[in-house]
């Protein structure tokens, strides 16, 4: 897996590059700004770009803008937002435009490089990965009636686990459910949300987007 890292914090950028290299990930670029990121992605065509949200020159949302441009120009390149900022609106903004091959993890919660590497591999494979803290914040926001109202409590738990990027096996482990039971719950979720049969990845992403829109 080939990775480009974009972060204006020198120590974090270099430290992350070292940790990923030690974990067997090939780091093909390290940059400090969004425009540099776009040039490096064009030159190296990595599998995934790791992007901070707030970078020079204005330290607002340059990283998110760069992530959006990468996903538009290079659909096969995944983007992992790795940030200090817990903003559900940023996650929704990225996912609504590009529901595949994207992730949003919080720097403070990635204490083990294996967690980050696992998330990177998942988005490279076409999934979307969200930090559980973001999902939890969305769950506790006030909400209006929505398409999820027909879901049972267990189905809501399964959908929350999907939003956190867990596989069927991972959902079963967390909720103490058999693989067949997990599959049954997911089928019911798709049916109740009126999600037509497509590829499994697309259906899961559409379900996650319905889940997030309900709480934003």
C-alpha atoms as a PDB file:
ATOM      1  CA  UNK A   1       0.000   0.000   0.000  1.00  0.00           C
ATOM      2  CA  UNK A   2       1.392   3.395  -1.095  1.00  0.00           C
ATOM      3  CA  UNK A   3       0.552   6.477   0.969  1.00  0.00           C
ATOM      4  CA  UNK A   4       0.960  10.252   0.803  1.00  0.00           C
ATOM      5  CA  UNK A   5       0.765  12.186   4.098  1.00  0.00           C
ATOM      6  CA  UNK A   6      -0.430  15.805   4.292  1.00  0.00           C
ATOM      7  CA  UNK A   7      -0.115  17.550   7.659  1.00  0.00           C
ATOM      8  CA  UNK A   8       1.362  20.929   8.592  1.00  0.00           C
ATOM      9  CA  UNK A   9       2.697  19.613  11.936  1.00  0.00           C
ATOM     10  CA  UNK A  10       6.258  18.523  11.125  1.00  0.00           C
ATOM     11  CA  UNK A  11       6.739  16.183  14.083  1.00  0.00           C
ATOM     12  CA  UNK A  12       3.401  14.466  13.535  1.00  0.00           C
ATOM     13  CA  UNK A  13       4.024  14.141   9.796  1.00  0.00           C
ATOM     14  CA  UNK A  14       7.477  12.640  10.226  1.00  0.00           C
ATOM     15  CA  UNK A  15       6.433  10.448  13.158  1.00  0.00           C
ATOM     16  CA  UNK A  16       3.465   9.078  11.275  1.00  0.00           C
ATOM     17  CA  UNK A  17       5.624   8.364   8.250  1.00  0.00           C
ATOM     18  CA  UNK A  18       8.063   6.412  10.404  1.00  0.00           C
ATOM     19  CA  UNK A  19       5.309   4.393  12.096  1.00  0.00           C
ATOM     20  CA  UNK A  20       3.669   3.521   8.796  1.00  0.00           C
ATOM     21  CA  UNK A  21       6.984   2.559   7.223  1.00  0.00           C
ATOM     22  CA  UNK A  22       7.734   0.277  10.172  1.00  0.00           C
ATOM     23  CA  UNK A  23       4.301  -1.303   9.652  1.00  0.00           C
ATOM     24  CA  UNK A  24       5.137  -2.143   6.037  1.00  0.00           C
ATOM     25  CA  UNK A  25       3.379   0.798   4.370  1.00  0.00           C
ATOM     26  CA  UNK A  26       5.258   2.612   1.591  1.00  0.00           C
ATOM     27  CA  UNK A  27       5.206   6.371   2.199  1.00  0.00           C
ATOM     28  CA  UNK A  28       5.689   8.027  -1.203  1.00  0.00           C
ATOM     29  CA  UNK A  29       5.168  11.625  -0.130  1.00  0.00           C
ATOM     30  CA  UNK A  30       5.077  13.975   2.875  1.00  0.00           C
ATOM     31  CA  UNK A  31       3.687  17.494   2.434  1.00  0.00           C
ATOM     32  CA  UNK A  32       2.505  20.394   4.606  1.00  0.00           C
ATOM     33  CA  UNK A  33      -0.219  22.059   2.518  1.00  0.00           C
ATOM     34  CA  UNK A  34      -3.201  21.208   0.340  1.00  0.00           C
ATOM     35  CA  UNK A  35      -1.727  22.448  -2.945  1.00  0.00           C
ATOM     36  CA  UNK A  36       1.445  20.435  -2.314  1.00  0.00           C
ATOM     37  CA  UNK A  37      -0.740  17.397  -1.641  1.00  0.00           C
ATOM     38  CA  UNK A  38      -2.502  17.689  -4.997  1.00  0.00           C
ATOM     39  CA  UNK A  39       0.800  17.937  -6.846  1.00  0.00           C
ATOM     40  CA  UNK A  40       2.273  14.958  -5.001  1.00  0.00           C
ATOM     41  CA  UNK A  41      -0.811  12.828  -5.596  1.00  0.00           C
ATOM     42  CA  UNK A  42      -0.679  13.634  -9.300  1.00  0.00           C
ATOM     43  CA  UNK A  43       3.017  12.738  -9.431  1.00  0.00           C
ATOM     44  CA  UNK A  44       2.956   9.536  -7.379  1.00  0.00           C
ATOM     45  CA  UNK A  45      -0.626   8.187  -7.738  1.00  0.00           C
ATOM     46  CA  UNK A  46      -0.715   6.574  -4.252  1.00  0.00           C
ATOM     47  CA  UNK A  47      -3.338   4.126  -3.032  1.00  0.00           C
ATOM     48  CA  UNK A  48      -4.427   6.518  -0.289  1.00  0.00           C
ATOM     49  CA  UNK A  49      -3.840  10.087   0.894  1.00  0.00           C
ATOM     50  CA  UNK A  50      -3.840  10.882   4.619  1.00  0.00           C
ATOM     51  CA  UNK A  51      -5.094  14.451   5.045  1.00  0.00           C
ATOM     52  CA  UNK A  52      -5.487  16.870   7.945  1.00  0.00           C
ATOM     53  CA  UNK A  53      -8.485  19.223   7.695  1.00  0.00           C
ATOM     54  CA  UNK A  54      -6.915  22.556   8.653  1.00  0.00           C
ATOM     55  CA  UNK A  55      -3.732  23.412   6.751  1.00  0.00           C
ATOM     56  CA  UNK A  56      -2.015  26.513   5.332  1.00  0.00           C
ATOM     57  CA  UNK A  57      -2.616  29.168   4.250  1.00  0.00           C
ATOM     58  CA  UNK A  58      -5.875  29.908   6.124  1.00  0.00           C
ATOM     59  CA  UNK A  59      -6.031  26.865   8.410  1.00  0.00           C
ATOM     60  CA  UNK A  60      -9.753  26.457   7.759  1.00  0.00           C
ATOM     61  CA  UNK A  61     -10.730  23.548   5.526  1.00  0.00           C
ATOM     62  CA  UNK A  62      -7.943  23.350   2.934  1.00  0.00           C
ATOM     63  CA  UNK A  63      -7.405  19.677   3.649  1.00  0.00           C
ATOM     64  CA  UNK A  64     -11.058  18.868   3.100  1.00  0.00           C
ATOM     65  CA  UNK A  65     -11.061  20.802  -0.180  1.00  0.00           C
ATOM     66  CA  UNK A  66      -7.971  18.885  -1.314  1.00  0.00           C
ATOM     67  CA  UNK A  67      -9.599  15.592  -0.303  1.00  0.00           C
ATOM     68  CA  UNK A  68     -12.657  16.462  -2.364  1.00  0.00           C
ATOM     69  CA  UNK A  69     -10.527  17.279  -5.406  1.00  0.00           C
ATOM     70  CA  UNK A  70      -8.563  14.054  -5.073  1.00  0.00           C
ATOM     71  CA  UNK A  71     -11.722  11.949  -4.965  1.00  0.00           C
ATOM     72  CA  UNK A  72     -13.126  13.804  -7.991  1.00  0.00           C
ATOM     73  CA  UNK A  73      -9.982  13.586 -10.105  1.00  0.00           C
ATOM     74  CA  UNK A  74      -8.774  10.145  -9.007  1.00  0.00           C
ATOM     75  CA  UNK A  75     -11.708   7.870  -8.061  1.00  0.00           C
ATOM     76  CA  UNK A  76      -9.362   4.959  -7.336  1.00  0.00           C
ATOM     77  CA  UNK A  77      -7.353   6.890  -4.728  1.00  0.00           C
ATOM     78  CA  UNK A  78      -8.741   6.649  -1.198  1.00  0.00           C
ATOM     79  CA  UNK A  79      -8.663   9.536   1.296  1.00  0.00           C
ATOM     80  CA  UNK A  80      -8.291   9.246   5.066  1.00  0.00           C
ATOM     81  CA  UNK A  81      -8.986  12.436   7.029  1.00  0.00           C
ATOM     82  CA  UNK A  82      -6.885  12.330  10.197  1.00  0.00           C
ATOM     83  CA  UNK A  83      -7.655  15.324  12.379  1.00  0.00           C
ATOM     84  CA  UNK A  84      -7.822  16.763  15.901  1.00  0.00           C
ATOM     85  CA  UNK A  85     -11.242  18.212  15.095  1.00  0.00           C
ATOM     86  CA  UNK A  86     -14.388  16.323  16.036  1.00  0.00           C
ATOM     87  CA  UNK A  87     -16.794  17.777  13.476  1.00  0.00           C
ATOM     88  CA  UNK A  88     -19.571  15.531  12.217  1.00  0.00           C
ATOM     89  CA  UNK A  89     -20.387  18.083   9.514  1.00  0.00           C
ATOM     90  CA  UNK A  90     -16.952  17.534   7.962  1.00  0.00           C
ATOM     91  CA  UNK A  91     -17.561  13.789   7.798  1.00  0.00           C
ATOM     92  CA  UNK A  92     -20.972  14.281   6.211  1.00  0.00           C
ATOM     93  CA  UNK A  93     -19.637  16.796   3.718  1.00  0.00           C
ATOM     94  CA  UNK A  94     -17.045  14.321   2.460  1.00  0.00           C
ATOM     95  CA  UNK A  95     -19.251  11.233   2.537  1.00  0.00           C
ATOM     96  CA  UNK A  96     -22.190  12.809   0.748  1.00  0.00           C
ATOM     97  CA  UNK A  97     -19.991  13.702  -2.200  1.00  0.00           C
ATOM     98  CA  UNK A  98     -17.821  10.592  -2.193  1.00  0.00           C
ATOM     99  CA  UNK A  99     -19.393   7.688  -0.266  1.00  0.00           C
ATOM    100  CA  UNK A 100     -16.624   5.212  -1.059  1.00  0.00           C
ATOM    101  CA  UNK A 101     -12.927   5.030  -0.245  1.00  0.00           C
ATOM    102  CA  UNK A 102     -13.048   7.691   2.464  1.00  0.00           C
ATOM    103  CA  UNK A 103     -12.434   7.708   6.214  1.00  0.00           C
ATOM    104  CA  UNK A 104     -12.367  10.123   9.137  1.00  0.00           C
ATOM    105  CA  UNK A 105     -10.353   9.249  12.248  1.00  0.00           C
ATOM    106  CA  UNK A 106      -9.329  11.402  15.201  1.00  0.00           C
ATOM    107  CA  UNK A 107      -5.622  11.785  15.888  1.00  0.00           C
ATOM    108  CA  UNK A 108      -6.071  11.588  19.648  1.00  0.00           C
ATOM    109  CA  UNK A 109      -7.804   8.215  19.392  1.00  0.00           C
ATOM    110  CA  UNK A 110      -5.387   6.498  17.026  1.00  0.00           C
ATOM    111  CA  UNK A 111      -3.092   5.209  19.756  1.00  0.00           C
ATOM    112  CA  UNK A 112      -2.060   2.107  17.821  1.00  0.00           C
ATOM    113  CA  UNK A 113      -0.703   2.313  14.279  1.00  0.00           C
ATOM    114  CA  UNK A 114      -2.403  -1.028  13.570  1.00  0.00           C
ATOM    115  CA  UNK A 115      -5.791   0.719  13.939  1.00  0.00           C
ATOM    116  CA  UNK A 116      -4.793   3.312  11.348  1.00  0.00           C
ATOM    117  CA  UNK A 117      -3.346   0.731   8.961  1.00  0.00           C
ATOM    118  CA  UNK A 118      -6.525  -1.334   9.236  1.00  0.00           C
ATOM    119  CA  UNK A 119      -8.621   1.753   8.450  1.00  0.00           C
ATOM    120  CA  UNK A 120      -6.420   2.593   5.471  1.00  0.00           C
ATOM    121  CA  UNK A 121      -6.738  -0.913   4.055  1.00  0.00           C
ATOM    122  CA  UNK A 122     -10.508  -0.793   4.470  1.00  0.00           C
ATOM    123  CA  UNK A 123     -10.945   2.447   2.543  1.00  0.00           C
ATOM    124  CA  UNK A 124      -8.533   1.289  -0.167  1.00  0.00           C
ATOM    125  CA  UNK A 125     -10.848  -1.725  -0.535  1.00  0.00           C
ATOM    126  CA  UNK A 126     -13.788   0.627  -1.096  1.00  0.00           C
ATOM    127  CA  UNK A 127     -15.276   0.985   2.391  1.00  0.00           C
ATOM    128  CA  UNK A 128     -15.909   4.108   4.443  1.00  0.00           C
ATOM    129  CA  UNK A 129     -14.506   4.267   7.979  1.00  0.00           C
ATOM    130  CA  UNK A 130     -15.617   6.657  10.735  1.00  0.00           C
ATOM    131  CA  UNK A 131     -14.194   7.152  14.194  1.00  0.00           C
ATOM    132  CA  UNK A 132     -16.604   5.736  16.810  1.00  0.00           C
ATOM    133  CA  UNK A 133     -16.504   9.080  18.659  1.00  0.00           C
ATOM    134  CA  UNK A 134     -17.990  10.832  15.638  1.00  0.00           C
ATOM    135  CA  UNK A 135     -20.717   8.213  15.378  1.00  0.00           C
ATOM    136  CA  UNK A 136     -21.460   8.569  19.100  1.00  0.00           C
ATOM    137  CA  UNK A 137     -21.791  12.348  18.818  1.00  0.00           C
ATOM    138  CA  UNK A 138     -24.185  11.987  15.910  1.00  0.00           C
ATOM    139  CA  UNK A 139     -26.264   9.484  17.869  1.00  0.00           C
ATOM    140  CA  UNK A 140     -26.889  11.962  20.703  1.00  0.00           C
ATOM    141  CA  UNK A 141     -27.927  14.921  18.583  1.00  0.00           C
ATOM    142  CA  UNK A 142     -31.582  16.024  18.641  1.00  0.00           C
ATOM    143  CA  UNK A 143     -33.360  14.634  15.618  1.00  0.00           C
ATOM    144  CA  UNK A 144     -36.596  14.907  13.660  1.00  0.00           C
ATOM    145  CA  UNK A 145     -38.670  11.955  12.419  1.00  0.00           C
ATOM    146  CA  UNK A 146     -36.712  10.084   9.803  1.00  0.00           C
ATOM    147  CA  UNK A 147     -36.522   6.887   7.726  1.00  0.00           C
ATOM    148  CA  UNK A 148     -34.724   5.081  10.558  1.00  0.00           C
ATOM    149  CA  UNK A 149     -37.780   5.217  12.812  1.00  0.00           C
ATOM    150  CA  UNK A 150     -38.871   1.753  11.697  1.00  0.00           C
ATOM    151  CA  UNK A 151     -35.635   0.083  12.758  1.00  0.00           C
ATOM    152  CA  UNK A 152     -35.552  -2.002  15.915  1.00  0.00           C
ATOM    153  CA  UNK A 153     -33.066  -1.183  18.657  1.00  0.00           C
ATOM    154  CA  UNK A 154     -30.865  -4.088  17.588  1.00  0.00           C
ATOM    155  CA  UNK A 155     -30.974  -2.983  13.960  1.00  0.00           C
ATOM    156  CA  UNK A 156     -29.907   0.496  15.058  1.00  0.00           C
ATOM    157  CA  UNK A 157     -26.939  -1.035  16.896  1.00  0.00           C
ATOM    158  CA  UNK A 158     -25.977  -3.008  13.792  1.00  0.00           C
ATOM    159  CA  UNK A 159     -26.260   0.123  11.623  1.00  0.00           C
ATOM    160  CA  UNK A 160     -24.134   2.089  14.103  1.00  0.00           C
ATOM    161  CA  UNK A 161     -21.469  -0.613  13.856  1.00  0.00           C
ATOM    162  CA  UNK A 162     -21.586  -0.430  10.051  1.00  0.00           C
ATOM    163  CA  UNK A 163     -21.091   3.351  10.327  1.00  0.00           C
ATOM    164  CA  UNK A 164     -17.986   2.715  12.438  1.00  0.00           C
ATOM    165  CA  UNK A 165     -16.522   0.670   9.572  1.00  0.00           C
ATOM    166  CA  UNK A 166     -16.928  -2.788  11.099  1.00  0.00           C
ATOM    167  CA  UNK A 167     -17.234  -5.872   8.913  1.00  0.00           C
ATOM    168  CA  UNK A 168     -20.005  -8.410   9.482  1.00  0.00           C
ATOM    169  CA  UNK A 169     -17.604 -10.476  11.559  1.00  0.00           C
ATOM    170  CA  UNK A 170     -16.658  -7.421  13.606  1.00  0.00           C
ATOM    171  CA  UNK A 171     -20.312  -6.550  14.188  1.00  0.00           C
ATOM    172  CA  UNK A 172     -20.981 -10.083  15.384  1.00  0.00           C
ATOM    173  CA  UNK A 173     -18.063  -9.927  17.809  1.00  0.00           C
ATOM    174  CA  UNK A 174     -19.118  -6.580  19.294  1.00  0.00           C
ATOM    175  CA  UNK A 175     -22.819  -7.418  19.602  1.00  0.00           C
ATOM    176  CA  UNK A 176     -22.417 -11.150  20.353  1.00  0.00           C
ATOM    177  CA  UNK A 177     -24.370 -12.181  17.263  1.00  0.00           C
ATOM    178  CA  UNK A 178     -23.874 -15.093  14.876  1.00  0.00           C
ATOM    179  CA  UNK A 179     -22.886 -14.322  11.247  1.00  0.00           C
ATOM    180  CA  UNK A 180     -26.339 -15.395  10.007  1.00  0.00           C
ATOM    181  CA  UNK A 181     -28.063 -13.130  12.524  1.00  0.00           C
ATOM    182  CA  UNK A 182     -25.913 -10.164  11.472  1.00  0.00           C
ATOM    183  CA  UNK A 183     -26.735 -10.811   7.813  1.00  0.00           C
ATOM    184  CA  UNK A 184     -30.438 -11.030   8.666  1.00  0.00           C
ATOM    185  CA  UNK A 185     -30.373  -7.702  10.508  1.00  0.00           C
ATOM    186  CA  UNK A 186     -28.537  -6.038   7.612  1.00  0.00           C
ATOM    187  CA  UNK A 187     -31.097  -7.340   5.114  1.00  0.00           C
ATOM    188  CA  UNK A 188     -33.874  -5.899   7.274  1.00  0.00           C
ATOM    189  CA  UNK A 189     -32.068  -2.550   7.484  1.00  0.00           C
ATOM    190  CA  UNK A 190     -31.743  -2.348   3.694  1.00  0.00           C
ATOM    191  CA  UNK A 191     -35.393  -3.302   3.243  1.00  0.00           C
ATOM    192  CA  UNK A 192     -36.712  -0.786   5.804  1.00  0.00           C
ATOM    193  CA  UNK A 193     -34.555   2.006   4.376  1.00  0.00           C
ATOM    194  CA  UNK A 194     -35.774   1.107   0.874  1.00  0.00           C
ATOM    195  CA  UNK A 195     -32.235   0.606  -0.430  1.00  0.00           C
ATOM    196  CA  UNK A 196     -32.367  -1.270  -3.738  1.00  0.00           C
ATOM    197  CA  UNK A 197     -30.089  -4.202  -4.402  1.00  0.00           C
ATOM    198  CA  UNK A 198     -26.697  -3.041  -5.618  1.00  0.00           C
ATOM    199  CA  UNK A 199     -23.207  -4.129  -4.644  1.00  0.00           C
ATOM    200  CA  UNK A 200     -22.891  -4.780  -0.926  1.00  0.00           C
ATOM    201  CA  UNK A 201     -20.451  -1.897  -0.458  1.00  0.00           C
ATOM    202  CA  UNK A 202     -22.812   0.625  -2.094  1.00  0.00           C
ATOM    203  CA  UNK A 203     -25.758  -0.511   0.003  1.00  0.00           C
ATOM    204  CA  UNK A 204     -23.782  -0.234   3.231  1.00  0.00           C
ATOM    205  CA  UNK A 205     -22.608   3.283   2.327  1.00  0.00           C
ATOM    206  CA  UNK A 206     -26.156   4.400   1.500  1.00  0.00           C
ATOM    207  CA  UNK A 207     -27.344   3.046   4.848  1.00  0.00           C
ATOM    208  CA  UNK A 208     -24.552   4.900   6.657  1.00  0.00           C
ATOM    209  CA  UNK A 209     -25.434   8.149   4.894  1.00  0.00           C
ATOM    210  CA  UNK A 210     -29.095   7.773   5.922  1.00  0.00           C
ATOM    211  CA  UNK A 211     -27.891   7.179   9.481  1.00  0.00           C
ATOM    212  CA  UNK A 212     -25.653  10.258   9.517  1.00  0.00           C
ATOM    213  CA  UNK A 213     -28.139  12.612   7.844  1.00  0.00           C
ATOM    214  CA  UNK A 214     -30.640  11.735  10.552  1.00  0.00           C
ATOM    215  CA  UNK A 215     -28.332  13.151  13.216  1.00  0.00           C
ATOM    216  CA  UNK A 216     -26.667  16.100  11.535  1.00  0.00           C
END
